[in-house]
Amino acid sequence: MSEPSNSSSVLSSIHAGAFVRTLLPPLIVWGGMVAAATLAGQPGIICVTPMAWLLALWCGGHYIHLVGGVHGRRPLLGPGLLGAALGLCMGVMFILVSTFYMPVGPDPGEASRAQVLYVVLSLGGVIICTLLSLFTGWLTMRRY
């Protein structure tokens, strides 16, 4: 019997329904807050994105709870990917709101600093949200 391919093995380690049901609530909460504040003329709320990364603490444990603590070959793959997806989505929100509602002035130095900030917050969000989600996923798995 042949070994399954790596990509199908990874996909079979993730419960898609639990993944989506865990990813959507923090995105809806944060996206709704950002949209409401931005439409009210306060786009600066997007600068609180690093605090919103704390929503990833909920993701890891909730995912493990939804899958019933089932241990596969990669039990923390789901929480890790959830955190990465959440961080990436928040980074994209940050870039979009910053670009369209808080435009950078004509100074080239200001534009380059803004680009560095976009990269730092986007990558930082992916890394930190992944770690936070992995942590709570691991804690929840220990209880099962």
Protein backbone atom coordinates (compact mmCIF):
# COMPACT_ATOMS: atom_id res chain seq x y z
CA MET A 1 0.00 0.00 0.00
CA SER A 2 1.39 3.40 -0.89
CA GLU A 3 1.88 6.26 1.55
CA PRO A 4 -0.71 9.07 1.14
CA SER A 5 0.58 12.31 -0.26
CA ASN A 6 1.68 14.96 2.20
CA SER A 7 -0.93 17.53 1.15
CA SER A 8 -3.86 15.11 1.51
CA SER A 9 -2.47 14.00 4.87
CA VAL A 10 -2.36 17.60 6.07
CA LEU A 11 -5.89 18.31 4.83
CA SER A 12 -7.24 15.17 6.49
CA SER A 13 -5.74 16.38 9.80
CA ILE A 14 -7.95 19.48 9.78
CA HIS A 15 -11.67 19.44 10.51
CA ALA A 16 -13.00 21.99 8.00
CA GLY A 17 -16.29 22.66 9.77
CA ALA A 18 -14.60 23.31 13.11
CA PHE A 19 -11.98 25.44 11.35
CA VAL A 20 -14.56 27.73 9.76
CA ARG A 21 -16.80 27.86 12.86
CA THR A 22 -13.79 28.90 14.91
CA LEU A 23 -12.31 31.41 12.46
CA LEU A 24 -15.46 33.37 11.65
CA PRO A 25 -16.53 34.70 15.09
CA PRO A 26 -13.32 36.64 15.89
CA LEU A 27 -13.18 37.95 12.32
CA ILE A 28 -16.80 39.08 12.48
CA VAL A 29 -16.29 40.74 15.87
CA TRP A 30 -13.08 42.56 14.89
CA GLY A 31 -14.21 43.32 11.34
CA GLY A 32 -17.52 44.67 12.62
CA MET A 33 -15.84 46.91 15.15
CA VAL A 34 -13.38 48.21 12.56
CA ALA A 35 -16.13 48.77 9.98
CA ALA A 36 -18.42 50.56 12.43
CA ALA A 37 -15.68 52.84 13.75
CA THR A 38 -14.29 53.54 10.29
CA LEU A 39 -17.71 54.41 8.89
CA ALA A 40 -18.23 56.68 11.90
CA GLY A 41 -15.11 58.58 10.85
CA GLN A 42 -12.68 56.97 13.32
CA PRO A 43 -10.41 54.73 11.20
CA GLY A 44 -7.72 54.96 13.87
CA ILE A 45 -9.29 51.94 15.57
CA ILE A 46 -7.22 49.84 13.20
CA CYS A 47 -4.16 50.84 15.22
CA VAL A 48 -5.49 48.64 18.05
CA THR A 49 -4.95 45.55 15.88
CA PRO A 50 -2.22 44.15 18.18
CA MET A 51 -4.81 44.02 20.98
CA ALA A 52 -7.20 42.20 18.65
CA TRP A 53 -4.57 39.48 18.25
CA LEU A 54 -5.68 38.33 21.71
CA LEU A 55 -8.80 36.92 20.03
CA ALA A 56 -6.50 34.10 18.89
CA LEU A 57 -6.43 32.87 22.50
CA TRP A 58 -10.04 31.79 22.03
CA CYS A 59 -9.40 30.05 18.71
CA GLY A 60 -7.07 27.22 19.69
CA GLY A 61 -9.11 25.96 22.61
CA HIS A 62 -12.42 26.33 20.81
CA TYR A 63 -11.18 24.35 17.80
CA ILE A 64 -9.94 21.50 20.01
CA HIS A 65 -13.25 21.57 21.88
CA LEU A 66 -15.24 21.36 18.62
CA VAL A 67 -13.25 18.38 17.36
CA GLY A 68 -13.69 16.68 20.73
CA GLY A 69 -10.00 16.64 21.57
CA VAL A 70 -9.38 13.98 18.91
CA HIS A 71 -5.67 13.40 18.60
CA GLY A 72 -4.42 12.76 15.11
CA ARG A 73 -0.90 12.67 13.78
CA ARG A 74 -0.80 16.47 13.96
CA PRO A 75 -3.14 17.46 16.78
CA LEU A 76 -2.07 21.11 16.90
CA LEU A 77 -2.06 21.69 13.15
CA GLY A 78 -5.65 23.01 13.18
CA PRO A 79 -5.09 25.54 15.98
CA GLY A 80 -1.82 26.65 14.40
CA LEU A 81 -3.37 27.22 10.99
CA LEU A 82 -6.34 28.96 12.61
CA GLY A 83 -4.03 31.42 14.33
CA ALA A 84 -2.11 32.03 11.12
CA ALA A 85 -5.31 32.60 9.14
CA LEU A 86 -6.68 34.95 11.80
CA GLY A 87 -3.43 36.93 11.91
CA LEU A 88 -3.30 37.13 8.12
CA CYS A 89 -6.91 38.35 7.87
CA MET A 90 -6.30 40.98 10.54
CA GLY A 91 -3.15 42.09 8.71
CA VAL A 92 -5.10 42.47 5.47
CA MET A 93 -7.76 44.50 7.33
CA PHE A 94 -5.03 46.72 8.76
CA ILE A 95 -3.48 47.34 5.36
CA LEU A 96 -6.82 48.06 3.67
CA VAL A 97 -8.11 50.47 6.30
CA SER A 98 -4.75 52.19 6.66
CA THR A 99 -4.35 52.58 2.91
CA PHE A 100 -7.84 53.78 2.05
CA TYR A 101 -8.95 55.68 5.15
CA MET A 102 -5.66 56.94 6.60
CA PRO A 103 -3.60 57.86 3.52
CA VAL A 104 0.08 58.60 3.87
CA GLY A 105 1.27 62.10 3.13
CA PRO A 106 3.45 63.05 0.15
CA ASP A 107 6.70 62.66 2.11
CA PRO A 108 8.66 59.62 0.75
CA GLY A 109 10.00 58.88 4.25
CA GLU A 110 6.49 58.65 5.62
CA ALA A 111 5.48 56.28 2.82
CA SER A 112 8.42 53.96 3.50
CA ARG A 113 7.68 53.95 7.25
CA ALA A 114 4.06 53.06 6.49
CA GLN A 115 5.17 50.15 4.31
CA VAL A 116 7.45 48.85 7.06
CA LEU A 117 4.56 49.12 9.52
CA TYR A 118 2.31 47.14 7.16
CA VAL A 119 4.87 44.34 6.91
CA VAL A 120 5.64 44.28 10.64
CA LEU A 121 1.97 44.20 11.68
CA SER A 122 1.04 41.61 9.06
CA LEU A 123 3.89 39.22 9.83
CA GLY A 124 3.66 39.92 13.55
CA GLY A 125 -0.03 39.13 13.48
CA VAL A 126 0.51 35.80 11.75
CA ILE A 127 3.28 34.78 14.15
CA ILE A 128 1.68 35.97 17.40
CA CYS A 129 -1.82 34.73 16.57
CA THR A 130 -0.37 31.34 15.63
CA LEU A 131 1.51 31.09 18.92
CA LEU A 132 -1.48 32.20 21.00
CA SER A 133 -3.81 29.76 19.27
CA LEU A 134 -1.30 26.92 19.61
CA PHE A 135 -0.93 27.67 23.31
CA THR A 136 -4.63 27.48 24.10
CA GLY A 137 -5.05 24.48 21.80
CA TRP A 138 -2.30 22.69 23.71
CA LEU A 139 -3.85 23.62 27.07
CA THR A 140 -7.24 22.35 25.96
CA MET A 141 -5.76 19.11 24.62
CA ARG A 142 -4.15 18.46 27.99
CA ARG A 143 -7.59 18.54 29.61
CA TYR A 144 -8.90 15.93 27.17
